[in-house]
N, C-alpha and C. Protein backbone atom coordinates (compact mmCIF):
# COMPACT_ATOMS: atom_id res chain seq x y z
N MET A 1 -91.43 171.08 -230.78
CA MET A 1 -91.22 169.70 -231.20
C MET A 1 -89.72 169.40 -231.20
N PRO A 2 -89.30 168.30 -230.56
CA PRO A 2 -87.87 168.00 -230.50
C PRO A 2 -87.29 167.72 -231.88
N GLN A 3 -86.04 168.13 -232.04
CA GLN A 3 -85.33 167.93 -233.30
C GLN A 3 -84.92 166.46 -233.41
N GLN A 4 -85.04 165.88 -234.61
CA GLN A 4 -84.63 164.49 -234.81
C GLN A 4 -83.11 164.42 -234.89
N ASN A 5 -82.55 163.42 -234.23
CA ASN A 5 -81.09 163.27 -234.24
C ASN A 5 -80.59 162.86 -235.61
N LEU A 6 -79.37 163.26 -235.89
CA LEU A 6 -78.71 162.86 -237.13
C LEU A 6 -78.56 161.34 -237.17
N SER A 7 -78.66 160.77 -238.35
CA SER A 7 -78.44 159.33 -238.52
C SER A 7 -76.94 159.06 -238.55
N LEU A 8 -76.56 157.81 -238.39
CA LEU A 8 -75.14 157.44 -238.49
C LEU A 8 -74.59 157.78 -239.87
N ALA A 9 -75.38 157.59 -240.91
CA ALA A 9 -74.92 157.93 -242.27
C ALA A 9 -74.67 159.43 -242.38
N GLU A 10 -75.53 160.24 -241.78
CA GLU A 10 -75.34 161.69 -241.81
C GLU A 10 -74.10 162.09 -241.00
N ILE A 11 -73.91 161.45 -239.87
CA ILE A 11 -72.74 161.73 -239.03
C ILE A 11 -71.46 161.35 -239.77
N GLU A 12 -71.48 160.20 -240.42
CA GLU A 12 -70.31 159.78 -241.21
C GLU A 12 -70.01 160.82 -242.29
N ALA A 13 -71.04 161.26 -243.00
CA ALA A 13 -70.84 162.25 -244.08
C ALA A 13 -70.28 163.56 -243.52
N ILE A 14 -70.79 164.00 -242.38
CA ILE A 14 -70.29 165.23 -241.76
C ILE A 14 -68.82 165.07 -241.38
N ALA A 15 -68.48 163.94 -240.76
CA ALA A 15 -67.10 163.71 -240.32
C ALA A 15 -66.16 163.60 -241.52
N ARG A 16 -66.58 162.88 -242.55
CA ARG A 16 -65.74 162.75 -243.75
C ARG A 16 -65.53 164.11 -244.41
N ASP A 17 -66.59 164.91 -244.49
CA ASP A 17 -66.48 166.24 -245.07
C ASP A 17 -65.58 167.14 -244.22
N ALA A 18 -65.73 167.06 -242.90
CA ALA A 18 -64.93 167.89 -242.00
C ALA A 18 -63.44 167.59 -242.11
N HIS A 19 -63.11 166.31 -242.29
CA HIS A 19 -61.70 165.90 -242.36
C HIS A 19 -61.18 165.81 -243.79
N ALA A 20 -62.00 166.14 -244.78
CA ALA A 20 -61.58 166.06 -246.19
C ALA A 20 -60.34 166.93 -246.40
N GLY A 21 -59.38 166.37 -247.08
CA GLY A 21 -58.16 167.12 -247.37
C GLY A 21 -57.08 166.96 -246.30
N GLN A 22 -57.43 166.44 -245.14
CA GLN A 22 -56.43 166.19 -244.09
C GLN A 22 -55.72 164.87 -244.36
N THR A 23 -54.47 164.80 -243.96
CA THR A 23 -53.73 163.53 -244.03
C THR A 23 -53.11 163.27 -242.67
N ASP A 24 -52.79 161.99 -242.42
CA ASP A 24 -52.13 161.65 -241.17
C ASP A 24 -50.62 161.86 -241.33
N LYS A 25 -49.85 161.47 -240.33
CA LYS A 25 -48.41 161.69 -240.34
C LYS A 25 -47.71 160.95 -241.48
N ALA A 26 -48.35 159.93 -242.02
CA ALA A 26 -47.77 159.17 -243.13
C ALA A 26 -48.29 159.65 -244.49
N GLY A 27 -49.14 160.67 -244.48
CA GLY A 27 -49.67 161.20 -245.73
C GLY A 27 -50.92 160.50 -246.24
N ILE A 28 -51.50 159.63 -245.42
CA ILE A 28 -52.71 158.89 -245.80
C ILE A 28 -53.93 159.75 -245.46
N PRO A 29 -54.96 159.75 -246.33
CA PRO A 29 -56.15 160.55 -246.02
C PRO A 29 -56.67 160.25 -244.62
N TYR A 30 -56.91 161.31 -243.85
CA TYR A 30 -57.33 161.15 -242.45
C TYR A 30 -58.68 160.45 -242.33
N THR A 31 -59.49 160.54 -243.37
CA THR A 31 -60.79 159.88 -243.33
C THR A 31 -60.64 158.36 -243.15
N GLU A 32 -59.50 157.80 -243.58
CA GLU A 32 -59.27 156.36 -243.35
C GLU A 32 -59.17 156.06 -241.87
N HIS A 33 -58.56 156.98 -241.11
CA HIS A 33 -58.43 156.77 -239.66
C HIS A 33 -59.80 156.83 -238.99
N ILE A 34 -60.59 157.85 -239.29
CA ILE A 34 -61.88 157.96 -238.59
C ILE A 34 -62.80 156.81 -238.97
N ALA A 35 -62.72 156.33 -240.22
CA ALA A 35 -63.51 155.16 -240.61
C ALA A 35 -63.05 153.93 -239.84
N ALA A 36 -61.74 153.76 -239.71
CA ALA A 36 -61.21 152.60 -238.98
C ALA A 36 -61.65 152.64 -237.51
N VAL A 37 -61.67 153.82 -236.92
CA VAL A 37 -62.10 153.94 -235.52
C VAL A 37 -63.58 153.60 -235.40
N ALA A 38 -64.41 154.18 -236.26
CA ALA A 38 -65.85 153.89 -236.21
C ALA A 38 -66.12 152.40 -236.40
N HIS A 39 -65.44 151.79 -237.37
CA HIS A 39 -65.64 150.36 -237.60
C HIS A 39 -65.07 149.53 -236.44
N GLY A 40 -63.97 150.00 -235.83
CA GLY A 40 -63.39 149.32 -234.67
C GLY A 40 -64.32 149.38 -233.47
N VAL A 41 -65.02 150.50 -233.32
CA VAL A 41 -66.00 150.61 -232.23
C VAL A 41 -67.11 149.58 -232.43
N ARG A 42 -67.62 149.50 -233.65
CA ARG A 42 -68.69 148.55 -233.95
C ARG A 42 -68.20 147.12 -233.73
N ALA A 43 -66.99 146.81 -234.19
CA ALA A 43 -66.44 145.45 -234.04
C ALA A 43 -66.26 145.07 -232.57
N ARG A 44 -66.09 146.07 -231.71
CA ARG A 44 -65.93 145.82 -230.27
C ARG A 44 -67.27 145.79 -229.55
N GLY A 45 -68.37 145.82 -230.30
CA GLY A 45 -69.69 145.75 -229.71
C GLY A 45 -70.25 147.09 -229.29
N GLY A 46 -69.69 148.17 -229.82
CA GLY A 46 -70.14 149.50 -229.45
C GLY A 46 -71.55 149.81 -229.92
N SER A 47 -72.20 150.71 -229.20
CA SER A 47 -73.55 151.16 -229.54
C SER A 47 -73.49 152.14 -230.71
N ASP A 48 -74.65 152.47 -231.26
CA ASP A 48 -74.72 153.48 -232.31
C ASP A 48 -74.16 154.81 -231.81
N GLU A 49 -74.42 155.15 -230.55
CA GLU A 49 -73.88 156.39 -230.00
C GLU A 49 -72.36 156.36 -229.96
N GLN A 50 -71.79 155.22 -229.60
CA GLN A 50 -70.33 155.11 -229.58
C GLN A 50 -69.76 155.14 -231.00
N VAL A 51 -70.44 154.53 -231.95
CA VAL A 51 -69.99 154.59 -233.35
C VAL A 51 -70.02 156.04 -233.83
N ALA A 52 -71.07 156.77 -233.49
CA ALA A 52 -71.16 158.18 -233.86
C ALA A 52 -69.98 158.95 -233.26
N ALA A 53 -69.67 158.69 -232.00
CA ALA A 53 -68.53 159.35 -231.36
C ALA A 53 -67.22 158.94 -232.05
N GLY A 54 -67.15 157.70 -232.52
CA GLY A 54 -65.97 157.26 -233.27
C GLY A 54 -65.77 158.08 -234.53
N TRP A 55 -66.85 158.32 -235.26
CA TRP A 55 -66.76 159.14 -236.47
C TRP A 55 -66.31 160.56 -236.13
N LEU A 56 -66.78 161.08 -235.02
CA LEU A 56 -66.55 162.49 -234.67
C LEU A 56 -65.39 162.71 -233.70
N HIS A 57 -64.70 161.65 -233.28
CA HIS A 57 -63.79 161.75 -232.14
C HIS A 57 -62.68 162.78 -232.27
N ASP A 58 -62.24 163.08 -233.47
CA ASP A 58 -61.14 164.04 -233.65
C ASP A 58 -61.59 165.39 -234.22
N THR A 59 -62.88 165.56 -234.46
CA THR A 59 -63.33 166.77 -235.16
C THR A 59 -63.08 168.05 -234.36
N VAL A 60 -63.36 168.03 -233.07
CA VAL A 60 -63.16 169.23 -232.25
C VAL A 60 -61.67 169.40 -231.95
N GLU A 61 -60.97 168.31 -231.62
CA GLU A 61 -59.55 168.38 -231.31
C GLU A 61 -58.76 168.91 -232.51
N ASP A 62 -59.14 168.52 -233.71
CA ASP A 62 -58.44 168.95 -234.93
C ASP A 62 -58.96 170.29 -235.46
N ASP A 63 -59.91 170.90 -234.74
CA ASP A 63 -60.49 172.18 -235.14
C ASP A 63 -61.16 172.15 -236.51
N VAL A 64 -61.71 170.99 -236.89
CA VAL A 64 -62.45 170.92 -238.15
C VAL A 64 -63.94 171.15 -237.91
N LEU A 65 -64.38 170.97 -236.67
CA LEU A 65 -65.71 171.36 -236.21
C LEU A 65 -65.52 172.02 -234.85
N SER A 66 -66.33 173.00 -234.55
CA SER A 66 -66.18 173.74 -233.29
C SER A 66 -66.98 173.08 -232.16
N ARG A 67 -66.63 173.45 -230.95
CA ARG A 67 -67.41 173.02 -229.78
C ARG A 67 -68.85 173.54 -229.91
N GLU A 68 -68.98 174.75 -230.45
CA GLU A 68 -70.31 175.34 -230.65
C GLU A 68 -71.12 174.50 -231.63
N TRP A 69 -70.47 174.05 -232.71
CA TRP A 69 -71.17 173.19 -233.67
C TRP A 69 -71.64 171.93 -232.95
N LEU A 70 -70.74 171.31 -232.20
CA LEU A 70 -71.06 170.07 -231.50
C LEU A 70 -72.23 170.28 -230.54
N GLU A 71 -72.20 171.34 -229.77
CA GLU A 71 -73.27 171.60 -228.80
C GLU A 71 -74.61 171.81 -229.49
N GLY A 72 -74.60 172.44 -230.66
CA GLY A 72 -75.85 172.70 -231.36
C GLY A 72 -76.31 171.59 -232.28
N ALA A 73 -75.46 170.58 -232.49
CA ALA A 73 -75.78 169.49 -233.42
C ALA A 73 -76.90 168.61 -232.88
N ALA A 74 -77.65 168.03 -233.79
CA ALA A 74 -78.75 167.12 -233.44
C ALA A 74 -78.17 165.75 -233.11
N LEU A 75 -77.52 165.69 -231.94
CA LEU A 75 -76.88 164.47 -231.47
C LEU A 75 -77.32 164.21 -230.04
N PRO A 76 -77.42 162.94 -229.66
CA PRO A 76 -77.73 162.63 -228.26
C PRO A 76 -76.62 163.17 -227.34
N ARG A 77 -76.99 163.59 -226.14
CA ARG A 77 -76.03 164.13 -225.18
C ARG A 77 -74.85 163.18 -224.95
N PRO A 78 -75.07 161.85 -224.86
CA PRO A 78 -73.92 160.97 -224.64
C PRO A 78 -72.88 161.05 -225.77
N VAL A 79 -73.31 161.25 -227.01
CA VAL A 79 -72.36 161.37 -228.12
C VAL A 79 -71.52 162.63 -227.92
N LYS A 80 -72.18 163.73 -227.62
CA LYS A 80 -71.46 164.99 -227.38
C LYS A 80 -70.47 164.83 -226.23
N ASP A 81 -70.92 164.18 -225.15
CA ASP A 81 -70.05 163.99 -223.99
C ASP A 81 -68.83 163.15 -224.34
N MET A 82 -69.03 162.09 -225.12
CA MET A 82 -67.89 161.25 -225.52
C MET A 82 -66.91 162.03 -226.38
N VAL A 83 -67.42 162.77 -227.37
CA VAL A 83 -66.53 163.55 -228.25
C VAL A 83 -65.73 164.55 -227.42
N LEU A 84 -66.38 165.23 -226.50
CA LEU A 84 -65.67 166.20 -225.67
C LEU A 84 -64.66 165.51 -224.76
N ALA A 85 -65.00 164.35 -224.24
CA ALA A 85 -64.05 163.61 -223.40
C ALA A 85 -62.82 163.19 -224.19
N LEU A 86 -63.01 162.88 -225.47
CA LEU A 86 -61.92 162.42 -226.32
C LEU A 86 -61.13 163.57 -226.94
N THR A 87 -61.53 164.79 -226.65
CA THR A 87 -60.86 165.97 -227.19
C THR A 87 -59.80 166.43 -226.20
N LYS A 88 -58.54 166.14 -226.53
CA LYS A 88 -57.43 166.50 -225.64
C LYS A 88 -57.09 167.97 -225.86
N GLY A 89 -57.03 168.70 -224.77
CA GLY A 89 -56.65 170.10 -224.84
C GLY A 89 -55.20 170.27 -225.24
N GLU A 90 -54.89 171.38 -225.87
CA GLU A 90 -53.54 171.62 -226.40
C GLU A 90 -52.46 171.46 -225.33
N ASP A 91 -52.69 171.98 -224.14
CA ASP A 91 -51.69 171.89 -223.07
C ASP A 91 -52.11 170.91 -221.97
N GLU A 92 -53.09 170.08 -222.25
CA GLU A 92 -53.60 169.15 -221.24
C GLU A 92 -52.64 167.98 -221.05
N ASP A 93 -52.43 167.61 -219.80
CA ASP A 93 -51.57 166.46 -219.53
C ASP A 93 -52.34 165.16 -219.75
N LEU A 94 -51.60 164.10 -220.04
CA LEU A 94 -52.19 162.82 -220.39
C LEU A 94 -53.00 162.22 -219.24
N VAL A 95 -52.58 162.45 -218.01
CA VAL A 95 -53.30 161.90 -216.85
C VAL A 95 -54.70 162.50 -216.76
N SER A 96 -54.81 163.82 -216.88
CA SER A 96 -56.13 164.47 -216.84
C SER A 96 -57.01 163.98 -217.98
N TYR A 97 -56.42 163.90 -219.16
CA TYR A 97 -57.14 163.44 -220.35
C TYR A 97 -57.70 162.03 -220.16
N THR A 98 -56.86 161.11 -219.69
CA THR A 98 -57.31 159.73 -219.54
C THR A 98 -58.33 159.60 -218.41
N ARG A 99 -58.19 160.39 -217.35
CA ARG A 99 -59.19 160.36 -216.28
C ARG A 99 -60.56 160.78 -216.79
N ARG A 100 -60.59 161.81 -217.66
CA ARG A 100 -61.86 162.27 -218.21
C ARG A 100 -62.50 161.18 -219.09
N ILE A 101 -61.68 160.51 -219.87
CA ILE A 101 -62.19 159.41 -220.70
C ILE A 101 -62.80 158.33 -219.81
N LEU A 102 -62.09 157.95 -218.76
CA LEU A 102 -62.58 156.91 -217.85
C LEU A 102 -63.86 157.33 -217.13
N ALA A 103 -64.03 158.62 -216.92
CA ALA A 103 -65.21 159.13 -216.20
C ALA A 103 -66.42 159.34 -217.11
N THR A 104 -66.23 159.20 -218.40
CA THR A 104 -67.31 159.48 -219.36
C THR A 104 -67.85 158.17 -219.91
N PRO A 105 -69.11 157.84 -219.61
CA PRO A 105 -69.67 156.59 -220.11
C PRO A 105 -69.53 156.45 -221.63
N GLY A 106 -68.99 155.30 -222.04
CA GLY A 106 -68.86 154.97 -223.46
C GLY A 106 -67.58 155.42 -224.12
N ALA A 107 -66.87 156.38 -223.54
CA ALA A 107 -65.69 156.95 -224.20
C ALA A 107 -64.52 155.98 -224.26
N LEU A 108 -64.36 155.13 -223.27
CA LEU A 108 -63.22 154.23 -223.24
C LEU A 108 -63.20 153.30 -224.45
N LEU A 109 -64.33 152.76 -224.84
CA LEU A 109 -64.38 151.86 -226.00
C LEU A 109 -63.96 152.60 -227.27
N VAL A 110 -64.38 153.84 -227.41
CA VAL A 110 -64.00 154.63 -228.59
C VAL A 110 -62.50 154.87 -228.58
N LYS A 111 -61.95 155.22 -227.42
CA LYS A 111 -60.50 155.45 -227.33
C LYS A 111 -59.74 154.16 -227.58
N GLU A 112 -60.27 153.04 -227.14
CA GLU A 112 -59.62 151.75 -227.39
C GLU A 112 -59.52 151.50 -228.90
N ALA A 113 -60.60 151.77 -229.64
CA ALA A 113 -60.57 151.60 -231.10
C ALA A 113 -59.60 152.58 -231.74
N ASP A 114 -59.55 153.80 -231.23
CA ASP A 114 -58.62 154.81 -231.74
C ASP A 114 -57.17 154.36 -231.52
N LEU A 115 -56.87 153.93 -230.31
CA LEU A 115 -55.51 153.47 -230.02
C LEU A 115 -55.13 152.24 -230.83
N ALA A 116 -56.08 151.35 -231.03
CA ALA A 116 -55.80 150.14 -231.82
C ALA A 116 -55.38 150.52 -233.24
N HIS A 117 -56.10 151.46 -233.84
CA HIS A 117 -55.73 151.86 -235.20
C HIS A 117 -54.42 152.65 -235.21
N ASN A 118 -54.26 153.56 -234.25
CA ASN A 118 -53.02 154.34 -234.20
C ASN A 118 -51.80 153.46 -233.96
N SER A 119 -51.99 152.35 -233.24
CA SER A 119 -50.88 151.46 -232.88
C SER A 119 -50.68 150.32 -233.87
N ASP A 120 -51.45 150.29 -234.91
CA ASP A 120 -51.33 149.21 -235.91
C ASP A 120 -49.90 149.19 -236.44
N PRO A 121 -49.19 148.07 -236.30
CA PRO A 121 -47.80 148.01 -236.76
C PRO A 121 -47.63 148.40 -238.23
N ALA A 122 -48.58 148.03 -239.08
CA ALA A 122 -48.48 148.39 -240.50
C ALA A 122 -48.57 149.90 -240.68
N ARG A 123 -49.40 150.54 -239.89
CA ARG A 123 -49.53 152.00 -239.98
C ARG A 123 -48.28 152.67 -239.41
N LEU A 124 -47.79 152.19 -238.28
CA LEU A 124 -46.58 152.76 -237.67
C LEU A 124 -45.35 152.56 -238.56
N ALA A 125 -45.32 151.47 -239.31
CA ALA A 125 -44.16 151.17 -240.17
C ALA A 125 -43.96 152.23 -241.25
N LEU A 126 -44.99 152.99 -241.55
CA LEU A 126 -44.89 154.02 -242.58
C LEU A 126 -44.19 155.29 -242.08
N LEU A 127 -43.95 155.36 -240.77
CA LEU A 127 -43.37 156.56 -240.17
C LEU A 127 -41.86 156.42 -240.01
N ASP A 128 -41.18 157.56 -239.89
CA ASP A 128 -39.74 157.51 -239.62
C ASP A 128 -39.53 156.93 -238.21
N GLU A 129 -38.34 156.41 -237.98
CA GLU A 129 -38.06 155.68 -236.74
C GLU A 129 -38.30 156.53 -235.49
N GLU A 130 -37.86 157.78 -235.50
CA GLU A 130 -38.02 158.64 -234.33
C GLU A 130 -39.51 158.86 -234.01
N THR A 131 -40.30 159.15 -235.02
CA THR A 131 -41.74 159.37 -234.81
C THR A 131 -42.41 158.08 -234.36
N ARG A 132 -42.04 156.97 -234.99
CA ARG A 132 -42.62 155.67 -234.64
C ARG A 132 -42.35 155.33 -233.17
N GLU A 133 -41.11 155.53 -232.72
CA GLU A 133 -40.77 155.22 -231.33
C GLU A 133 -41.49 156.15 -230.36
N ARG A 134 -41.57 157.44 -230.69
CA ARG A 134 -42.24 158.41 -229.82
C ARG A 134 -43.72 158.06 -229.69
N LEU A 135 -44.37 157.78 -230.81
CA LEU A 135 -45.80 157.46 -230.78
C LEU A 135 -46.06 156.12 -230.12
N THR A 136 -45.21 155.14 -230.35
CA THR A 136 -45.38 153.83 -229.73
C THR A 136 -45.38 153.96 -228.21
N GLU A 137 -44.45 154.75 -227.67
CA GLU A 137 -44.39 154.96 -226.22
C GLU A 137 -45.60 155.75 -225.73
N LYS A 138 -46.00 156.77 -226.48
CA LYS A 138 -47.17 157.58 -226.10
C LYS A 138 -48.42 156.70 -226.05
N TYR A 139 -48.63 155.87 -227.06
CA TYR A 139 -49.82 155.02 -227.09
C TYR A 139 -49.77 153.97 -225.98
N ALA A 140 -48.58 153.43 -225.69
CA ALA A 140 -48.44 152.44 -224.62
C ALA A 140 -48.76 153.09 -223.27
N ARG A 141 -48.27 154.31 -223.05
CA ARG A 141 -48.55 155.01 -221.79
C ARG A 141 -50.04 155.31 -221.66
N THR A 142 -50.66 155.71 -222.75
CA THR A 142 -52.10 155.99 -222.73
C THR A 142 -52.87 154.73 -222.38
N ARG A 143 -52.52 153.61 -223.01
CA ARG A 143 -53.19 152.33 -222.70
C ARG A 143 -53.01 151.96 -221.23
N ARG A 144 -51.81 152.16 -220.70
CA ARG A 144 -51.58 151.84 -219.27
C ARG A 144 -52.48 152.70 -218.39
N LEU A 145 -52.55 153.99 -218.65
CA LEU A 145 -53.38 154.89 -217.84
C LEU A 145 -54.86 154.54 -217.94
N LEU A 146 -55.26 154.02 -219.08
CA LEU A 146 -56.67 153.64 -219.28
C LEU A 146 -56.98 152.21 -218.85
N GLY A 147 -55.94 151.44 -218.54
CA GLY A 147 -56.15 150.05 -218.15
C GLY A 147 -56.49 149.15 -219.33
N ILE A 148 -56.04 149.53 -220.52
CA ILE A 148 -56.27 148.74 -221.74
C ILE A 148 -55.05 147.87 -221.98
N GLU A 149 -55.29 146.59 -222.19
CA GLU A 149 -54.20 145.67 -222.49
C GLU A 149 -53.57 146.04 -223.82
N ASP A 150 -52.28 145.99 -223.90
CA ASP A 150 -51.54 146.31 -225.13
C ASP A 150 -51.63 145.15 -226.10
N ALA A 151 -52.41 145.36 -227.16
CA ALA A 151 -52.61 144.29 -228.15
C ALA A 151 -51.38 144.09 -229.04
N HIS A 152 -50.46 145.06 -229.05
CA HIS A 152 -49.31 144.95 -229.94
C HIS A 152 -48.00 144.73 -229.19
N ALA A 153 -48.10 144.33 -227.95
CA ALA A 153 -46.87 144.11 -227.16
C ALA A 153 -46.23 142.82 -227.52
């Protein structure tokens, strides 16, 4: 008998638990970022699968959940594929990373929500000038490679 997939509420709880205790570069609980991405996906018309990927988008990259966990989780294959597409390898170049996102159905919308939150001027204002400038350029380059219009230009 096939296993029933996790609900969005269960996925949210798993992601919040996995990222508990983490903070972003400004010292804000990381769970605020993943919530903002998931809600941003929904606001952009994303499917439940894309919202699930929004909740989980940084779990493997941040090593808070393993690839093995993801593969064995009761999640639809498209969710797993999006999470893996959004997982940038430690030494992976940005061009390869963005090509994989573009090649994975549904992943671009999740990355768009992620970039929107990461690029929020209020969030960037909390960082020191050097970090803010470095990240602003990184996010702008990522948007260019993905063909996403810069909402903060």
